[in-house]
């Protein structure tokens, strides 16, 4: 049976009443007897849990349903390898001198 919240504007009383859906609303305030006792609109007291609900399947704006754990384990891991940087020369090895420039003192003969 649902629980309904009622309030009385005359005396300020607020109560919860368990009623069947087919029951008529309570007309008189149990505290002061006023006929202005009314049913309040309140939030539902339940949460949708499990698969198939928007909050669990499509969170994040994607349009694909969540991937099951079994499918995720069967897929190979995607790797994005970056090339390793070239190794730096060891500090104890001398760096060879640059090659000498070839100079031709004689002009080319025709």
N, C-alpha and C. Protein backbone atom coordinates (compact mmCIF):
# COMPACT_ATOMS: atom_id res chain seq x y z
N UNK A 1 0.84 -1.19 0.00
CA UNK A 1 0.00 0.00 0.00
C UNK A 1 0.88 1.25 0.00
N UNK A 2 0.51 2.23 -0.78
CA UNK A 2 1.29 3.45 -0.81
C UNK A 2 1.08 4.30 0.45
N UNK A 3 2.09 5.08 0.74
CA UNK A 3 2.03 6.01 1.87
C UNK A 3 1.85 7.41 1.29
N UNK A 4 0.81 8.10 1.73
CA UNK A 4 0.53 9.45 1.25
C UNK A 4 0.81 10.47 2.35
N UNK A 5 1.28 11.63 1.95
CA UNK A 5 1.52 12.72 2.89
C UNK A 5 0.34 13.70 2.83
N UNK A 6 -0.10 14.11 4.01
CA UNK A 6 -1.19 15.08 4.13
C UNK A 6 -0.71 16.26 4.95
N UNK A 7 -1.33 17.44 4.71
CA UNK A 7 -1.00 18.64 5.47
C UNK A 7 -2.28 19.43 5.74
N UNK A 8 -2.27 20.14 6.86
CA UNK A 8 -3.41 20.98 7.23
C UNK A 8 -2.93 22.43 7.28
N UNK A 9 -3.52 23.33 6.48
CA UNK A 9 -3.09 24.73 6.51
C UNK A 9 -3.60 25.47 7.76
N UNK A 10 -4.60 24.95 8.41
CA UNK A 10 -5.17 25.61 9.59
C UNK A 10 -4.24 25.47 10.81
N UNK A 11 -3.82 24.24 11.11
CA UNK A 11 -3.00 24.03 12.32
C UNK A 11 -1.54 23.72 12.00
N UNK A 12 -1.20 23.49 10.73
CA UNK A 12 0.19 23.21 10.33
C UNK A 12 0.59 21.75 10.52
N UNK A 13 -0.34 20.88 10.83
CA UNK A 13 -0.03 19.46 11.03
C UNK A 13 0.32 18.81 9.69
N UNK A 14 1.33 17.92 9.72
CA UNK A 14 1.72 17.15 8.54
C UNK A 14 1.83 15.70 8.98
N UNK A 15 1.12 14.81 8.27
CA UNK A 15 1.09 13.40 8.63
C UNK A 15 1.23 12.54 7.39
N UNK A 16 1.64 11.28 7.61
CA UNK A 16 1.68 10.28 6.56
C UNK A 16 0.60 9.26 6.85
N UNK A 17 -0.14 8.86 5.83
CA UNK A 17 -1.20 7.87 5.99
C UNK A 17 -1.02 6.78 4.95
N UNK A 18 -1.13 5.51 5.38
CA UNK A 18 -1.06 4.38 4.47
C UNK A 18 -2.48 4.09 3.99
N UNK A 19 -2.68 4.19 2.66
CA UNK A 19 -4.01 4.01 2.08
C UNK A 19 -3.93 3.15 0.84
N UNK A 20 -5.02 2.49 0.53
CA UNK A 20 -5.13 1.76 -0.73
C UNK A 20 -5.34 2.78 -1.84
N UNK A 21 -5.05 2.38 -3.06
CA UNK A 21 -5.26 3.29 -4.19
C UNK A 21 -6.73 3.63 -4.35
N UNK A 22 -7.61 2.69 -4.03
CA UNK A 22 -9.05 2.91 -4.21
C UNK A 22 -9.68 3.71 -3.08
N UNK A 23 -8.97 3.91 -1.96
CA UNK A 23 -9.53 4.65 -0.82
C UNK A 23 -9.71 6.13 -1.17
N UNK A 24 -10.76 6.72 -0.62
CA UNK A 24 -11.01 8.15 -0.80
C UNK A 24 -10.01 8.94 0.04
N UNK A 25 -9.64 10.15 -0.40
CA UNK A 25 -8.71 10.96 0.39
C UNK A 25 -9.33 11.32 1.75
N UNK A 26 -8.47 11.51 2.74
CA UNK A 26 -8.91 11.89 4.08
C UNK A 26 -9.32 13.36 4.03
N UNK A 27 -10.53 13.67 4.47
CA UNK A 27 -11.07 15.02 4.34
C UNK A 27 -10.85 15.89 5.56
N UNK A 28 -10.80 15.28 6.75
CA UNK A 28 -10.70 16.09 7.98
C UNK A 28 -9.34 15.87 8.65
N UNK A 29 -8.77 16.95 9.16
CA UNK A 29 -7.49 16.89 9.87
C UNK A 29 -7.68 16.13 11.19
N UNK A 30 -6.84 15.13 11.47
CA UNK A 30 -6.98 14.40 12.72
C UNK A 30 -6.56 15.24 13.94
N UNK A 31 -5.79 16.30 13.75
CA UNK A 31 -5.32 17.12 14.87
C UNK A 31 -6.35 18.17 15.28
N UNK A 32 -6.90 18.91 14.28
CA UNK A 32 -7.80 20.01 14.62
C UNK A 32 -9.22 19.83 14.08
N UNK A 33 -9.44 18.85 13.19
CA UNK A 33 -10.77 18.60 12.65
C UNK A 33 -11.13 19.48 11.47
N UNK A 34 -10.20 20.28 10.97
CA UNK A 34 -10.46 21.18 9.84
C UNK A 34 -10.77 20.38 8.59
N UNK A 35 -11.61 20.89 7.75
CA UNK A 35 -11.98 20.25 6.48
C UNK A 35 -11.04 20.61 5.34
N UNK A 36 -9.98 21.35 5.63
CA UNK A 36 -9.03 21.78 4.58
C UNK A 36 -7.79 20.87 4.53
N UNK A 37 -7.88 19.69 5.10
CA UNK A 37 -6.78 18.71 5.10
C UNK A 37 -6.59 18.22 3.66
N UNK A 38 -5.37 18.34 3.11
CA UNK A 38 -5.16 17.97 1.71
C UNK A 38 -3.97 17.04 1.54
N UNK A 39 -3.99 16.30 0.43
CA UNK A 39 -2.92 15.35 0.09
C UNK A 39 -1.81 16.12 -0.61
N UNK A 40 -0.57 15.94 -0.13
CA UNK A 40 0.59 16.61 -0.73
C UNK A 40 1.15 15.75 -1.87
N UNK A 41 1.78 16.40 -2.81
CA UNK A 41 2.49 15.70 -3.88
C UNK A 41 3.93 15.54 -3.44
N UNK A 42 4.42 14.31 -3.43
CA UNK A 42 5.80 14.06 -2.99
C UNK A 42 6.50 13.11 -3.95
N UNK A 43 7.80 13.01 -3.81
CA UNK A 43 8.61 12.15 -4.68
C UNK A 43 8.36 10.68 -4.35
N UNK A 44 8.48 9.86 -5.35
CA UNK A 44 8.31 8.42 -5.15
C UNK A 44 9.50 7.87 -4.36
N UNK A 45 9.24 6.87 -3.56
CA UNK A 45 10.30 6.32 -2.71
C UNK A 45 10.86 5.02 -3.22
N UNK A 46 11.27 4.96 -4.48
CA UNK A 46 11.89 3.75 -5.00
C UNK A 46 12.98 4.13 -5.99
N UNK A 47 13.89 3.19 -6.22
CA UNK A 47 14.98 3.40 -7.17
C UNK A 47 14.99 2.24 -8.15
N UNK A 48 15.28 2.52 -9.40
CA UNK A 48 15.36 1.48 -10.43
C UNK A 48 16.78 0.95 -10.44
N UNK A 49 16.93 -0.34 -10.08
CA UNK A 49 18.27 -0.94 -10.02
C UNK A 49 18.36 -2.08 -11.02
N UNK A 50 19.58 -2.42 -11.41
CA UNK A 50 19.79 -3.52 -12.34
C UNK A 50 20.04 -3.00 -13.74
N UNK A 51 20.14 -3.93 -14.68
CA UNK A 51 20.41 -3.53 -16.06
C UNK A 51 19.12 -3.14 -16.76
N UNK A 52 19.25 -2.35 -17.79
CA UNK A 52 18.10 -1.95 -18.58
C UNK A 52 17.55 -0.59 -18.25
N UNK A 53 18.12 0.12 -17.31
CA UNK A 53 17.62 1.44 -16.93
C UNK A 53 18.61 2.49 -17.39
N UNK A 54 18.11 3.67 -17.72
CA UNK A 54 18.93 4.74 -18.26
C UNK A 54 20.12 5.08 -17.37
N UNK A 55 19.93 5.14 -16.07
CA UNK A 55 21.00 5.58 -15.16
C UNK A 55 22.19 4.63 -15.17
N UNK A 56 21.99 3.36 -15.50
CA UNK A 56 23.11 2.43 -15.46
C UNK A 56 23.66 2.09 -16.83
N UNK A 57 22.84 2.13 -17.87
CA UNK A 57 23.29 1.68 -19.18
C UNK A 57 23.86 2.76 -20.07
N UNK A 58 23.35 3.96 -20.01
CA UNK A 58 23.77 4.97 -20.96
C UNK A 58 24.33 6.21 -20.28
N UNK A 59 24.88 6.06 -19.10
CA UNK A 59 25.47 7.20 -18.41
C UNK A 59 26.69 7.67 -19.20
N UNK A 60 26.83 8.93 -19.39
CA UNK A 60 27.97 9.47 -20.12
C UNK A 60 27.62 9.89 -21.53
N UNK A 61 26.37 9.74 -21.96
CA UNK A 61 25.95 10.24 -23.25
C UNK A 61 26.20 9.31 -24.41
N UNK A 62 26.79 8.14 -24.20
CA UNK A 62 27.01 7.22 -25.30
C UNK A 62 25.71 6.56 -25.73
N UNK A 63 25.68 6.06 -26.96
CA UNK A 63 24.47 5.42 -27.43
C UNK A 63 24.59 3.91 -27.41
N UNK A 64 25.77 3.37 -27.08
CA UNK A 64 25.93 1.93 -27.02
C UNK A 64 25.64 1.44 -25.61
N UNK A 65 25.00 0.27 -25.48
CA UNK A 65 24.77 -0.26 -24.14
C UNK A 65 26.09 -0.67 -23.49
N UNK A 66 26.07 -0.78 -22.18
CA UNK A 66 27.27 -1.14 -21.44
C UNK A 66 27.75 -2.52 -21.84
N UNK A 67 29.06 -2.69 -21.96
CA UNK A 67 29.65 -3.95 -22.36
C UNK A 67 29.72 -4.88 -21.16
N UNK A 68 29.34 -6.12 -21.37
CA UNK A 68 29.35 -7.06 -20.25
C UNK A 68 30.78 -7.41 -19.87
N UNK A 69 30.94 -7.90 -18.66
CA UNK A 69 32.27 -8.23 -18.15
C UNK A 69 32.90 -9.36 -18.95
N UNK A 70 32.09 -10.34 -19.37
CA UNK A 70 32.60 -11.49 -20.12
C UNK A 70 33.15 -11.04 -21.47
N UNK A 71 32.43 -10.12 -22.15
CA UNK A 71 32.88 -9.62 -23.45
C UNK A 71 34.17 -8.81 -23.31
N UNK A 72 34.28 -8.06 -22.24
CA UNK A 72 35.47 -7.23 -22.03
C UNK A 72 36.70 -8.10 -21.79
N UNK A 73 36.53 -9.23 -21.10
CA UNK A 73 37.67 -10.10 -20.83
C UNK A 73 38.11 -10.86 -22.06
N UNK A 74 37.18 -11.15 -23.00
CA UNK A 74 37.53 -11.93 -24.17
C UNK A 74 38.24 -11.10 -25.24
N UNK A 75 38.09 -9.78 -25.21
CA UNK A 75 38.73 -8.92 -26.19
C UNK A 75 40.20 -8.69 -25.81
N UNK A 76 41.11 -8.66 -26.80
CA UNK A 76 42.50 -8.32 -26.48
C UNK A 76 42.61 -6.85 -26.10
N UNK A 77 43.53 -6.57 -25.24
CA UNK A 77 43.72 -5.20 -24.79
C UNK A 77 44.31 -4.37 -25.92
N UNK A 78 43.74 -3.20 -26.13
CA UNK A 78 44.26 -2.29 -27.15
C UNK A 78 45.42 -1.49 -26.55
N UNK A 79 46.53 -1.50 -27.26
CA UNK A 79 47.67 -0.74 -26.76
C UNK A 79 48.06 0.28 -27.81
N UNK A 80 48.45 1.42 -27.35
CA UNK A 80 48.96 2.45 -28.24
C UNK A 80 50.42 2.67 -27.84
N UNK A 81 51.30 2.02 -28.60
CA UNK A 81 52.72 2.09 -28.28
C UNK A 81 53.33 3.34 -28.89
N UNK A 82 54.15 4.01 -28.14
CA UNK A 82 54.89 5.15 -28.66
C UNK A 82 56.33 4.70 -28.84
N UNK A 83 56.97 5.14 -29.91
CA UNK A 83 58.35 4.69 -30.12
C UNK A 83 59.27 5.20 -29.01
N UNK A 84 60.21 4.35 -28.65
CA UNK A 84 61.16 4.71 -27.60
C UNK A 84 62.15 5.74 -28.13
N UNK A 85 62.57 6.69 -27.32
CA UNK A 85 63.55 7.67 -27.79
C UNK A 85 64.91 7.01 -28.03
N UNK A 86 65.70 7.62 -28.92
CA UNK A 86 67.03 7.07 -29.23
C UNK A 86 67.90 7.15 -27.99
N UNK A 87 68.70 6.12 -27.77
CA UNK A 87 69.54 6.14 -26.57
C UNK A 87 70.62 7.22 -26.68
N UNK A 88 70.87 7.86 -25.59
CA UNK A 88 71.90 8.90 -25.55
C UNK A 88 73.28 8.22 -25.47
N UNK A 89 74.31 8.84 -26.05
CA UNK A 89 75.64 8.22 -25.97
C UNK A 89 76.12 8.18 -24.51
N UNK A 90 76.85 7.14 -24.22
CA UNK A 90 77.38 7.00 -22.86
C UNK A 90 78.40 8.10 -22.61
N UNK A 91 78.41 8.66 -21.40
CA UNK A 91 79.33 9.77 -21.13
C UNK A 91 80.80 9.36 -21.12
N UNK A 92 81.12 8.08 -20.93
CA UNK A 92 82.53 7.67 -20.86
C UNK A 92 83.12 7.38 -22.24
N UNK A 93 82.32 7.37 -23.30
CA UNK A 93 82.85 7.13 -24.64
C UNK A 93 83.08 8.47 -25.33
N UNK A 94 84.22 8.64 -25.99
CA UNK A 94 84.49 9.90 -26.67
C UNK A 94 83.65 10.02 -27.94
N UNK A 95 83.26 11.21 -28.22
CA UNK A 95 82.49 11.48 -29.42
C UNK A 95 83.48 11.64 -30.57
N UNK A 96 83.31 10.90 -31.70
CA UNK A 96 84.27 11.01 -32.81
C UNK A 96 84.20 12.40 -33.44
N UNK A 97 85.34 12.90 -33.92
CA UNK A 97 85.34 14.22 -34.56
C UNK A 97 84.61 14.16 -35.89
N UNK A 98 84.08 15.27 -36.35
CA UNK A 98 83.39 15.27 -37.63
C UNK A 98 84.37 14.98 -38.77
N UNK A 99 83.86 14.42 -39.84
CA UNK A 99 84.69 14.09 -41.00
C UNK A 99 85.17 15.38 -41.66
N UNK A 100 86.43 15.39 -42.14
CA UNK A 100 86.94 16.61 -42.78
C UNK A 100 86.25 16.84 -44.11
N UNK A 101 86.11 18.10 -44.43
CA UNK A 101 85.50 18.46 -45.71
C UNK A 101 86.51 18.21 -46.82
N UNK A 102 86.04 17.71 -47.93
CA UNK A 102 86.93 17.43 -49.05
C UNK A 102 87.08 18.72 -49.85
N UNK A 103 88.31 19.11 -49.98
CA UNK A 103 88.56 20.31 -50.77
C UNK A 103 89.40 19.92 -51.99
N UNK A 104 89.09 20.44 -53.11
CA UNK A 104 89.81 20.14 -54.33
C UNK A 104 90.53 21.42 -54.76
N UNK A 105 91.86 21.50 -54.50
CA UNK A 105 92.55 22.73 -54.86
C UNK A 105 92.64 22.94 -56.37
N UNK A 106 92.60 21.87 -57.13
CA UNK A 106 92.71 22.04 -58.57
C UNK A 106 91.32 22.18 -59.18
N UNK A 107 91.17 23.10 -60.11
CA UNK A 107 89.89 23.20 -60.79
C UNK A 107 89.70 22.01 -61.74
N UNK A 108 88.51 21.69 -62.02
CA UNK A 108 88.21 20.55 -62.92
C UNK A 108 88.66 20.90 -64.33
N UNK A 109 89.27 19.92 -65.02
CA UNK A 109 89.73 20.15 -66.40
C UNK A 109 88.66 19.75 -67.38
N UNK A 110 88.52 20.57 -68.39
CA UNK A 110 87.53 20.22 -69.41
C UNK A 110 87.99 19.17 -70.38
